[in-house]
Amino acid sequence: MKAAIVDLRYRMTDVLSAVERGETVTVTYRGKPKARIVPISEKQEMHDITKHPVFGMWKDREDMKDPAAWVRKLRQGRRFDI
């Protein structure tokens, strides 16, 4: 099924019904395909971001124990003594 942006705005129920039936909906903007809405199968699982290897990679850094102070320090301008 193809659906224009206007269809998403005014006929979203019909678009979601098509997806629920197992159809893939191609979203078009000015006649050109821009996105695809696909049904979620039972086999697909939600990914747990905490399982990603880079999650928590800076947990041992001493300078980031207080994130608010770290950001404040970053936002400080450089001070030049003239």
Protein backbone atom coordinates (compact mmCIF):
# COMPACT_ATOMS: atom_id res chain seq x y z
CA MET A 1 0.00 0.00 0.00
CA LYS A 2 1.14 3.55 -0.68
CA ALA A 3 0.11 6.46 1.49
CA ALA A 4 0.89 10.13 1.08
CA ILE A 5 1.71 12.37 4.01
CA VAL A 6 -1.85 13.72 3.87
CA ASP A 7 -3.17 10.16 4.20
CA LEU A 8 -1.18 9.74 7.39
CA ARG A 9 -2.72 12.86 8.78
CA TYR A 10 -6.35 12.29 7.83
CA ARG A 11 -6.59 8.50 7.43
CA MET A 12 -4.15 7.09 9.96
CA THR A 13 -6.71 4.52 11.13
CA ASP A 14 -6.89 3.04 7.63
CA VAL A 15 -3.11 2.99 7.33
CA LEU A 16 -2.73 1.24 10.69
CA SER A 17 -5.46 -1.24 9.73
CA ALA A 18 -3.45 -2.13 6.62
CA VAL A 19 -0.33 -2.62 8.72
CA GLU A 20 -2.29 -4.76 11.15
CA ARG A 21 -3.34 -6.98 8.23
CA GLY A 22 0.36 -7.54 7.52
CA GLU A 23 0.80 -5.05 4.68
CA THR A 24 3.83 -2.83 4.33
CA VAL A 25 2.90 0.81 3.79
CA THR A 26 5.19 3.04 1.73
CA VAL A 27 4.92 6.69 2.75
CA THR A 28 5.35 9.15 -0.11
CA TYR A 29 6.03 12.86 -0.15
CA ARG A 30 5.37 14.64 -3.42
CA GLY A 31 5.16 11.27 -5.12
CA LYS A 32 8.56 10.04 -3.96
CA PRO A 33 8.90 7.26 -1.38
CA LYS A 34 10.31 8.58 1.90
CA ALA A 35 9.58 5.91 4.52
CA ARG A 36 8.17 2.47 5.05
CA ILE A 37 5.85 1.33 7.84
CA VAL A 38 6.17 -2.40 8.42
CA PRO A 39 4.25 -4.64 10.80
CA ILE A 40 6.08 -5.88 13.86
CA SER A 41 6.29 -9.62 13.89
CA GLU A 42 6.26 -11.65 17.05
CA LYS A 43 9.82 -12.74 16.27
CA GLN A 44 11.16 -9.20 16.50
CA GLU A 45 12.28 -8.25 19.96
CA MET A 46 12.79 -4.87 21.49
CA HIS A 47 16.50 -4.26 21.95
CA ASP A 48 17.77 -3.56 25.43
CA ILE A 49 20.18 -0.65 25.13
CA THR A 50 21.92 -1.58 28.36
CA LYS A 51 23.24 -4.72 26.64
CA HIS A 52 25.16 -2.66 24.07
CA PRO A 53 28.94 -2.79 24.60
CA VAL A 54 29.37 1.00 24.75
CA PHE A 55 26.72 1.47 27.44
CA GLY A 56 28.49 2.64 30.58
CA MET A 57 31.93 2.81 29.02
CA TRP A 58 32.78 5.93 31.03
CA LYS A 59 31.39 4.73 34.34
CA ASP A 60 34.88 4.53 35.89
CA ARG A 61 35.96 8.04 34.94
CA GLU A 62 36.55 10.17 38.01
CA ASP A 63 35.88 13.47 36.21
CA MET A 64 32.34 12.34 35.31
CA LYS A 65 31.13 11.32 38.75
CA ASP A 66 29.03 14.50 38.83
CA PRO A 67 27.66 14.99 35.28
CA ALA A 68 26.18 18.42 36.02
CA ALA A 69 29.52 19.77 37.23
CA TRP A 70 31.27 18.23 34.22
CA VAL A 71 28.87 19.99 31.81
CA ARG A 72 29.24 23.30 33.70
CA LYS A 73 32.99 23.01 33.34
CA LEU A 74 32.65 22.35 29.61
CA ARG A 75 30.42 25.38 29.15
CA GLN A 76 32.81 27.74 30.90
CA GLY A 77 34.60 30.03 28.55
CA ARG A 78 38.34 30.08 28.39
CA ARG A 79 39.86 32.70 30.59
CA PHE A 80 42.85 34.51 29.24
CA ASP A 81 45.04 36.63 31.45
CA ILE A 82 46.19 39.66 29.54
